[in-house]
Amino acid sequence: MIRTMWRIENPAIQKATLNFSSSGQGKFEASQLVSDGIVIMNALELIEWSSERTQILICDHCGYTGCNSGGWINLRRTEERILLVPAFRDMEADDWSRNEYSSPAYLRKQGTPYFEIEDYAELAGIAKLPSLDSISRLEMGEALRIAQLAIPYRVFGEPPEIRVTREKSSLVVAADQGEPADHLADIESILRNYYDSRQPARLRLPRPDEQVVYLFLDGSEFTDWPALVEQTDGTKLLLLEEEFIVEPL
């Protein structure tokens, strides 16, 4: 399964010297946010947090936002977490925007970075990050796009489309309960019902009374996929990496 969530547990601030001489400036002493050897934000002093879309990897030749392509995120919060979410809405505007507003490259390997809210609050005071009250809520459309990227073999395609092909759906060969086709239909329904929704989303852990539904895929390797949870009243909710249930507030 593709890794789509990355909990930042050991963030640190390190100093780095950026050379802006090619743009007629001198050297700049920057503070960088790092974790697990990865530079998450390369110049905390230069990040412009005033807009919805934020570039957190600034051009290291001039220090100006927007000079280079990529490195953009939307800072989002849920009740318990702060997430660095891809700027999906901006990327989906057109082909040019898809590259221009793309996420930092480390998201493709590490997944969407997130902080437990207590960890973020402590870090924000040190790194001068936005206050909790100023951060917008995670939207259902964003949460479902993250979940879509976690689905093995991209069975439901990739943002900005929900695309189910016969070839991909045929990879789902079994379920631990019920019929695989029924569960795939439920997942597609959840995605389509909320894909364009700006309604606030919750990411929470499954409760003991919620039954995890596993689907099994036969692709390049046999994969078990914890796809859904079923509540006692029969309601089904999408599961993200066997860790978070995605549901509207």
Protein backbone atom coordinates (compact mmCIF):
# COMPACT_ATOMS: atom_id res chain seq x y z
CA MET A 1 0.00 0.00 0.00
CA ILE A 2 1.21 3.51 -0.82
CA ARG A 3 2.13 5.55 2.19
CA THR A 4 -0.08 8.62 2.33
CA MET A 5 0.21 9.87 5.91
CA TRP A 6 3.39 10.85 7.73
CA ARG A 7 3.24 11.75 11.38
CA ILE A 8 5.98 14.24 12.27
CA GLU A 9 7.07 13.17 15.73
CA ASN A 10 10.59 14.57 15.98
CA PRO A 11 10.67 17.99 14.31
CA ALA A 12 13.75 20.16 14.73
CA ILE A 13 14.84 23.62 13.68
CA GLN A 14 18.24 23.81 12.02
CA LYS A 15 20.21 26.73 10.62
CA ALA A 16 21.26 26.81 6.97
CA THR A 17 23.02 29.38 4.80
CA LEU A 18 21.26 30.12 1.51
CA ASN A 19 23.24 31.85 -1.23
CA PHE A 20 21.17 34.50 -3.02
CA SER A 21 24.12 36.04 -4.87
CA SER A 22 22.78 34.94 -8.29
CA SER A 23 19.83 37.31 -7.74
CA GLY A 24 22.05 40.20 -6.65
CA GLN A 25 21.68 39.50 -2.94
CA GLY A 26 24.04 38.08 -0.37
CA LYS A 27 23.94 35.08 1.89
CA PHE A 28 20.90 34.48 4.04
CA GLU A 29 20.85 32.63 7.35
CA ALA A 30 17.66 30.59 7.28
CA SER A 31 15.85 28.49 9.85
CA GLN A 32 14.66 25.17 8.45
CA LEU A 33 12.09 22.73 9.79
CA VAL A 34 13.41 19.18 9.45
CA SER A 35 12.29 15.71 10.50
CA ASP A 36 13.77 12.27 9.79
CA GLY A 37 16.51 13.96 7.76
CA ILE A 38 14.00 15.68 5.44
CA VAL A 39 13.75 19.45 5.06
CA ILE A 40 10.04 20.15 5.37
CA MET A 41 10.29 23.96 5.21
CA ASN A 42 13.55 25.47 4.00
CA ALA A 43 13.31 29.09 5.15
CA LEU A 44 10.81 29.73 7.93
CA GLU A 45 11.55 33.46 7.94
CA LEU A 46 10.51 33.83 4.28
CA ILE A 47 7.31 31.77 4.15
CA GLU A 48 4.20 33.84 3.46
CA TRP A 49 1.37 32.39 5.52
CA SER A 50 -1.18 35.09 4.70
CA SER A 51 -2.85 33.26 1.81
CA GLU A 52 -4.71 29.95 1.62
CA ARG A 53 -2.05 28.42 -0.60
CA THR A 54 1.46 28.48 0.88
CA GLN A 55 4.84 27.69 -0.66
CA ILE A 56 6.94 26.06 2.04
CA LEU A 57 10.00 25.31 -0.10
CA ILE A 58 11.21 28.75 -1.20
CA CYS A 59 13.54 29.32 -4.16
CA ASP A 60 17.04 28.91 -2.75
CA HIS A 61 18.52 31.32 -5.34
CA CYS A 62 16.45 34.41 -4.49
CA GLY A 63 14.19 33.68 -1.50
CA TYR A 64 11.00 34.89 -3.18
CA THR A 65 7.71 33.02 -3.04
CA GLY A 66 6.54 31.84 -6.46
CA CYS A 67 9.93 32.08 -8.18
CA ASN A 68 10.23 28.31 -8.56
CA SER A 69 7.50 25.77 -9.25
CA GLY A 70 6.24 23.31 -6.65
CA GLY A 71 6.54 23.13 -2.89
CA TRP A 72 2.99 24.34 -2.17
CA ILE A 73 0.56 23.12 0.50
CA ASN A 74 -2.63 24.10 2.29
CA LEU A 75 -2.27 24.11 6.06
CA ARG A 76 -5.31 22.38 7.53
CA ARG A 77 -6.59 21.30 10.92
CA THR A 78 -8.91 18.71 12.34
CA GLU A 79 -9.94 18.39 15.98
CA GLU A 80 -6.74 16.54 16.87
CA ARG A 81 -4.23 17.18 14.06
CA ILE A 82 -2.58 19.75 11.82
CA LEU A 83 -1.92 18.62 8.24
CA LEU A 84 0.18 19.88 5.33
CA VAL A 85 -2.25 19.02 2.55
CA PRO A 86 -1.54 19.21 -1.20
CA ALA A 87 -3.09 22.33 -2.76
CA PHE A 88 -5.55 20.17 -4.67
CA ARG A 89 -7.91 22.95 -5.74
CA ASP A 90 -5.12 25.05 -7.19
CA MET A 91 -3.39 22.12 -8.90
CA GLU A 92 -6.62 21.03 -10.55
CA ALA A 93 -7.26 24.37 -12.29
CA ASP A 94 -5.36 23.43 -15.48
CA ASP A 95 -2.28 21.59 -16.74
CA TRP A 96 0.06 24.50 -15.97
CA SER A 97 -1.21 24.77 -12.39
CA ARG A 98 -0.75 21.04 -11.80
CA ASN A 99 3.03 21.52 -11.99
CA GLU A 100 3.23 25.09 -10.70
CA TYR A 101 1.35 24.39 -7.44
CA SER A 102 2.52 20.81 -6.94
CA SER A 103 3.37 19.52 -3.49
CA PRO A 104 6.87 19.12 -2.08
CA ALA A 105 8.48 16.03 -3.58
CA TYR A 106 8.80 14.36 -0.18
CA LEU A 107 5.03 13.90 0.00
CA ARG A 108 5.27 11.28 -2.73
CA LYS A 109 7.57 9.15 -0.56
CA GLN A 110 6.60 10.06 2.98
CA GLY A 111 2.92 10.89 2.59
CA THR A 112 0.95 13.90 3.79
CA PRO A 113 2.77 15.32 6.83
CA TYR A 114 0.75 15.89 9.97
CA PHE A 115 1.31 16.89 13.58
CA GLU A 116 -0.66 15.88 16.60
CA ILE A 117 -2.16 19.15 17.69
CA GLU A 118 -0.18 19.35 20.95
CA ASP A 119 3.09 18.87 19.04
CA TYR A 120 2.16 21.59 16.56
CA ALA A 121 1.19 24.06 19.28
CA GLU A 122 4.56 23.60 20.95
CA LEU A 123 6.42 23.94 17.65
CA ALA A 124 4.42 26.96 16.48
CA GLY A 125 5.74 29.09 19.33
CA ILE A 126 9.33 28.28 18.39
CA ALA A 127 9.05 28.39 14.61
CA LYS A 128 6.51 31.23 14.36
CA LEU A 129 3.99 29.09 12.53
CA PRO A 130 0.32 30.13 12.19
CA SER A 131 -1.76 29.94 15.34
CA LEU A 132 -4.28 27.12 15.68
CA ASP A 133 -7.22 29.52 15.47
CA SER A 134 -6.05 30.89 12.12
CA ILE A 135 -5.82 27.50 10.36
CA SER A 136 -8.73 26.44 8.13
CA ARG A 137 -10.52 23.15 8.65
CA LEU A 138 -9.66 20.12 6.53
CA GLU A 139 -12.35 19.75 3.87
CA MET A 140 -14.07 16.50 2.94
CA GLY A 141 -12.96 16.88 -0.67
CA GLU A 142 -9.34 17.14 0.46
CA ALA A 143 -9.60 14.22 2.89
CA LEU A 144 -11.12 11.97 0.22
CA ARG A 145 -8.40 12.85 -2.28
CA ILE A 146 -5.77 11.82 0.28
CA ALA A 147 -7.68 8.58 0.88
CA GLN A 148 -8.02 8.01 -2.86
CA LEU A 149 -4.23 8.17 -3.20
CA ALA A 150 -3.92 5.47 -0.53
CA ILE A 151 -6.04 2.93 -2.42
CA PRO A 152 -3.87 0.07 -3.74
CA TYR A 153 -3.23 -0.01 -7.48
CA ARG A 154 -5.12 3.28 -7.85
CA VAL A 155 -8.36 1.32 -8.21
CA PHE A 156 -10.35 4.57 -8.17
CA GLY A 157 -7.88 6.61 -10.19
CA GLU A 158 -6.11 9.77 -9.05
CA PRO A 159 -7.25 13.31 -8.29
CA PRO A 160 -8.87 15.26 -9.84
CA GLU A 161 -10.96 12.34 -11.17
CA ILE A 162 -12.74 9.33 -9.76
CA ARG A 163 -12.12 6.73 -12.43
CA VAL A 164 -13.01 3.06 -12.08
CA THR A 165 -12.01 0.79 -14.93
CA ARG A 166 -12.95 -2.86 -15.40
CA GLU A 167 -9.26 -3.73 -15.40
CA LYS A 168 -8.64 -2.08 -12.02
CA SER A 169 -11.83 -3.28 -10.34
CA SER A 170 -11.09 -6.85 -11.44
CA LEU A 171 -8.01 -6.78 -9.21
CA VAL A 172 -10.35 -6.92 -6.18
CA VAL A 173 -10.92 -10.66 -5.90
CA ALA A 174 -12.38 -11.17 -2.41
CA ALA A 175 -13.62 -9.60 0.81
CA ASP A 176 -13.56 -10.84 4.37
CA GLN A 177 -17.30 -10.25 4.54
CA GLY A 178 -19.96 -9.55 1.94
CA GLU A 179 -19.44 -9.14 -1.78
CA PRO A 180 -16.43 -7.18 -3.14
CA ALA A 181 -18.55 -5.50 -5.82
CA ASP A 182 -20.92 -4.14 -3.16
CA HIS A 183 -18.06 -2.66 -1.16
CA LEU A 184 -16.53 -1.08 -4.28
CA ALA A 185 -19.89 0.49 -5.05
CA ASP A 186 -20.06 1.87 -1.50
CA ILE A 187 -16.58 3.37 -1.80
CA GLU A 188 -17.39 4.97 -5.14
CA SER A 189 -20.59 6.41 -3.67
CA ILE A 190 -18.70 7.95 -0.72
CA LEU A 191 -16.11 9.47 -3.03
CA ARG A 192 -18.64 10.93 -5.45
CA ASN A 193 -20.97 12.27 -2.75
CA TYR A 194 -18.24 14.32 -1.07
CA TYR A 195 -15.54 14.79 -3.73
CA ASP A 196 -16.37 18.46 -4.30
CA SER A 197 -17.48 19.13 -0.73
CA ARG A 198 -15.92 21.89 1.32
CA GLN A 199 -17.65 20.56 4.43
CA PRO A 200 -15.25 20.12 7.36
CA ALA A 201 -13.87 16.61 7.75
CA ARG A 202 -12.87 14.55 10.75
CA LEU A 203 -10.04 12.01 10.84
CA ARG A 204 -10.53 9.73 13.80
CA LEU A 205 -9.52 6.29 15.01
CA PRO A 206 -12.00 3.41 14.61
CA ARG A 207 -14.13 2.57 17.62
CA PRO A 208 -14.38 -0.97 19.05
CA ASP A 209 -17.96 -1.32 17.77
CA GLU A 210 -16.98 -0.53 14.17
CA GLN A 211 -16.16 -3.49 11.95
CA VAL A 212 -13.24 -3.11 9.55
CA VAL A 213 -13.98 -4.47 6.06
CA TYR A 214 -10.97 -5.94 4.24
CA LEU A 215 -10.76 -6.29 0.48
CA PHE A 216 -8.15 -8.48 -1.16
CA LEU A 217 -6.42 -7.58 -4.41
CA ASP A 218 -4.48 -9.84 -6.75
CA GLY A 219 -2.08 -7.61 -8.65
CA SER A 220 1.68 -7.69 -8.96
CA GLU A 221 1.46 -9.00 -5.40
CA PHE A 222 -1.44 -10.13 -3.22
CA THR A 223 -2.62 -7.20 -1.10
CA ASP A 224 -5.06 -6.95 1.78
CA TRP A 225 -6.72 -3.55 1.92
CA PRO A 226 -8.56 -2.29 5.02
CA ALA A 227 -11.02 -0.28 2.96
CA LEU A 228 -14.05 0.55 5.07
CA VAL A 229 -15.56 0.44 8.51
CA GLU A 230 -19.16 -0.64 9.01
CA GLN A 231 -21.09 0.81 11.92
CA THR A 232 -23.77 -1.04 13.87
CA ASP A 233 -26.51 0.71 11.87
CA GLY A 234 -24.96 -0.46 8.60
CA THR A 235 -23.41 2.89 7.65
CA LYS A 236 -20.07 2.51 5.90
CA LEU A 237 -17.22 5.01 6.13
CA LEU A 238 -13.96 5.18 4.23
CA LEU A 239 -10.82 4.07 6.06
CA LEU A 240 -7.49 5.75 5.45
CA GLU A 241 -4.48 3.46 5.91
CA GLU A 242 -6.21 1.35 8.60
CA GLU A 243 -5.68 4.29 10.93
CA PHE A 244 -8.17 7.08 10.26
CA ILE A 245 -11.85 7.04 9.50
CA VAL A 246 -12.85 9.86 7.15
CA GLU A 247 -16.21 11.35 8.01
CA PRO A 248 -17.97 14.72 7.73
CA LEU A 249 -18.44 16.89 10.76
